[in-house]
Amino acid sequence: MTGDGDDVVDGQPPSDEVTESSACGQPGESLPEPTETTPEELAERAARADKSISRALAGVLWLEAVCVLLVPRAIAQTSVGLTGVKTGLLIGFAVVLVAAGLFVRRRFGIAVGSVLQLPMFAIGAWVFGFVIVAAIFLGAWLYLLNLRHELVGTPGGVRMLIS
């Protein structure tokens, strides 16, 4: 035996060509033509993207609230210690973050959420490591606002922080 017939399948020699039937599943069937998206479909996609990004922005604010509630434990271990005023401010700020997350879909919600990023950095005066956490959350906040600008068409630049 020479091995010449080893590559023969069903009596036909092997082919290096990729046939259209292997791409589509049926011989002779062509790929479907892409259809144009209508303005209604584009508007629906933008509305879904806006809703999804608003939910993600609310999630960022709620995660910030959880992180703020972890700060009293870190302050308690410092030489300065934890006072009732610091605890009250941190718990109050966490409540404000949760409330802002509930109102992100309102007209003023994104502006309030953007303003609340500043006190996150102020907490770094009590626990320096929180500055890094605040920078990560600010990066996520700005990324989502930029994504919203690209997908939905909201204003860019500084107006992105308030619209």
Protein backbone atom coordinates (compact mmCIF):
# COMPACT_ATOMS: atom_id res chain seq x y z
CA MET A 1 0.00 0.00 0.00
CA THR A 2 1.45 3.39 -0.99
CA GLY A 3 -0.88 5.65 0.95
CA ASP A 4 -1.98 7.61 -2.13
CA GLY A 5 -5.66 7.00 -1.47
CA ASP A 6 -5.59 8.00 2.19
CA ASP A 7 -6.74 11.57 1.47
CA VAL A 8 -9.67 10.56 -0.74
CA VAL A 9 -13.05 11.12 0.88
CA ASP A 10 -16.14 9.68 -0.79
CA GLY A 11 -14.12 9.10 -3.97
CA GLN A 12 -13.20 12.80 -4.31
CA PRO A 13 -9.75 14.27 -3.78
CA PRO A 14 -9.29 16.79 -0.93
CA SER A 15 -9.98 20.41 -1.73
CA ASP A 16 -8.18 23.44 -0.30
CA GLU A 17 -11.13 25.71 -1.12
CA VAL A 18 -13.58 26.75 1.55
CA THR A 19 -17.01 26.42 0.04
CA GLU A 20 -19.91 28.70 0.73
CA SER A 21 -21.84 25.75 2.12
CA SER A 22 -19.38 25.44 5.00
CA ALA A 23 -19.92 29.09 5.93
CA CYS A 24 -23.74 29.12 5.72
CA GLY A 25 -24.72 25.55 6.31
CA GLN A 26 -26.56 24.93 3.01
CA PRO A 27 -24.95 24.57 -0.43
CA GLY A 28 -25.75 27.44 -2.76
CA GLU A 29 -27.29 29.57 0.01
CA SER A 30 -26.00 33.12 0.13
CA LEU A 31 -25.40 35.22 3.21
CA PRO A 32 -28.27 37.54 4.17
CA GLU A 33 -27.85 41.14 3.16
CA PRO A 34 -27.53 43.57 6.09
CA THR A 35 -30.53 45.81 6.44
CA GLU A 36 -30.44 49.53 7.12
CA THR A 37 -31.41 50.55 10.62
CA THR A 38 -34.39 52.84 10.81
CA PRO A 39 -34.42 56.00 12.91
CA GLU A 40 -36.93 54.33 15.23
CA GLU A 41 -34.52 51.44 15.86
CA LEU A 42 -31.68 53.88 16.53
CA ALA A 43 -33.85 55.83 18.98
CA GLU A 44 -34.82 52.60 20.74
CA ARG A 45 -31.17 51.54 21.01
CA ALA A 46 -30.22 54.95 22.41
CA ALA A 47 -33.04 54.77 24.98
CA ARG A 48 -31.92 51.29 26.09
CA ALA A 49 -28.30 52.44 26.31
CA ASP A 50 -29.32 55.49 28.36
CA LYS A 51 -31.32 53.35 30.76
CA SER A 52 -28.51 50.82 31.14
CA ILE A 53 -25.85 53.45 31.73
CA SER A 54 -28.06 55.23 34.25
CA ARG A 55 -28.39 51.96 36.16
CA ALA A 56 -24.62 51.51 36.05
CA LEU A 57 -24.13 55.06 37.37
CA ALA A 58 -26.53 54.29 40.22
CA GLY A 59 -24.56 51.13 40.93
CA VAL A 60 -21.34 53.14 41.16
CA LEU A 61 -22.94 55.48 43.70
CA TRP A 62 -24.21 52.54 45.76
CA LEU A 63 -20.78 50.90 45.76
CA GLU A 64 -19.31 54.20 46.90
CA ALA A 65 -21.79 54.18 49.79
CA VAL A 66 -20.62 50.71 50.82
CA CYS A 67 -17.00 51.84 50.73
CA VAL A 68 -17.83 54.93 52.81
CA LEU A 69 -19.43 52.69 55.42
CA LEU A 70 -16.13 50.79 55.69
CA VAL A 71 -14.18 53.95 56.55
CA PRO A 72 -15.15 54.17 60.28
CA ARG A 73 -13.40 50.88 60.92
CA ALA A 74 -10.22 52.25 59.34
CA ILE A 75 -10.45 55.51 61.31
CA ALA A 76 -10.96 53.65 64.59
CA GLN A 77 -7.52 52.05 64.22
CA THR A 78 -5.67 55.37 63.85
CA SER A 79 -4.13 57.36 66.69
CA VAL A 80 -6.77 60.09 66.31
CA GLY A 81 -9.60 57.62 66.75
CA LEU A 82 -13.24 57.64 65.78
CA THR A 83 -15.60 60.27 67.14
CA GLY A 84 -19.36 60.45 67.02
CA VAL A 85 -19.21 63.40 64.63
CA LYS A 86 -17.05 61.52 62.12
CA THR A 87 -19.28 58.48 62.34
CA GLY A 88 -22.40 60.59 61.83
CA LEU A 89 -20.90 62.41 58.85
CA LEU A 90 -19.85 59.17 57.19
CA ILE A 91 -23.19 57.46 57.73
CA GLY A 92 -25.02 60.58 56.54
CA PHE A 93 -22.84 60.76 53.44
CA ALA A 94 -23.52 57.09 52.71
CA VAL A 95 -27.26 57.75 52.93
CA VAL A 96 -26.89 60.72 50.56
CA LEU A 97 -24.98 58.50 48.08
CA VAL A 98 -27.73 55.88 48.16
CA ALA A 99 -30.41 58.56 47.67
CA ALA A 100 -28.45 60.07 44.78
CA GLY A 101 -28.28 56.61 43.21
CA LEU A 102 -32.06 56.44 43.32
CA PHE A 103 -32.37 59.78 41.51
CA VAL A 104 -29.77 59.29 38.77
CA ARG A 105 -32.49 59.00 36.11
CA ARG A 106 -33.93 62.41 36.99
CA ARG A 107 -32.73 65.60 35.28
CA PHE A 108 -30.58 66.63 38.23
CA GLY A 109 -29.32 63.14 39.11
CA ILE A 110 -26.10 63.07 37.11
CA ALA A 111 -25.14 66.55 38.32
CA VAL A 112 -25.69 65.51 41.95
CA GLY A 113 -23.68 62.33 41.42
CA SER A 114 -20.86 64.30 39.83
CA VAL A 115 -20.77 66.77 42.73
CA LEU A 116 -20.72 63.89 45.24
CA GLN A 117 -17.44 62.68 43.77
CA LEU A 118 -15.68 65.61 45.50
CA PRO A 119 -16.52 64.61 49.11
CA MET A 120 -15.20 61.15 48.28
CA PHE A 121 -11.75 62.73 47.94
CA ALA A 122 -12.31 64.77 51.11
CA ILE A 123 -12.67 61.53 53.09
CA GLY A 124 -9.04 60.95 52.14
CA ALA A 125 -8.13 63.55 54.78
CA TRP A 126 -9.19 61.02 57.43
CA VAL A 127 -7.94 57.88 55.67
CA PHE A 128 -5.32 58.57 53.01
CA GLY A 129 -5.87 55.21 51.29
CA PHE A 130 -9.39 56.31 50.46
CA VAL A 131 -8.01 58.82 47.96
CA ILE A 132 -7.07 55.85 45.77
CA VAL A 133 -10.55 54.36 46.15
CA ALA A 134 -12.11 57.73 45.30
CA ALA A 135 -9.90 58.03 42.20
CA ILE A 136 -11.03 54.59 41.01
CA PHE A 137 -14.68 55.52 41.48
CA LEU A 138 -14.16 58.86 39.74
CA GLY A 139 -12.57 57.02 36.82
CA ALA A 140 -15.55 54.66 36.59
CA TRP A 141 -17.97 57.61 36.83
CA LEU A 142 -16.22 59.52 34.04
CA TYR A 143 -15.94 56.40 31.87
CA LEU A 144 -19.68 55.77 32.12
CA LEU A 145 -20.48 59.41 31.35
CA ASN A 146 -18.20 59.27 28.30
CA LEU A 147 -19.83 56.03 27.17
CA ARG A 148 -23.24 57.68 27.59
CA HIS A 149 -22.01 60.61 25.49
CA GLU A 150 -20.89 58.27 22.69
CA LEU A 151 -23.92 55.96 22.67
CA VAL A 152 -26.77 58.31 23.48
CA GLY A 153 -25.42 61.59 22.13
CA THR A 154 -25.53 63.64 25.31
CA PRO A 155 -23.42 66.82 25.45
CA GLY A 156 -19.68 66.39 25.83
CA GLY A 157 -17.04 68.29 27.77
CA VAL A 158 -17.94 69.78 31.13
CA ARG A 159 -21.65 69.64 30.28
CA MET A 160 -21.31 65.85 30.34
CA LEU A 161 -21.03 66.11 34.15
CA ILE A 162 -24.39 67.82 34.57
CA SER A 163 -26.65 66.54 31.77
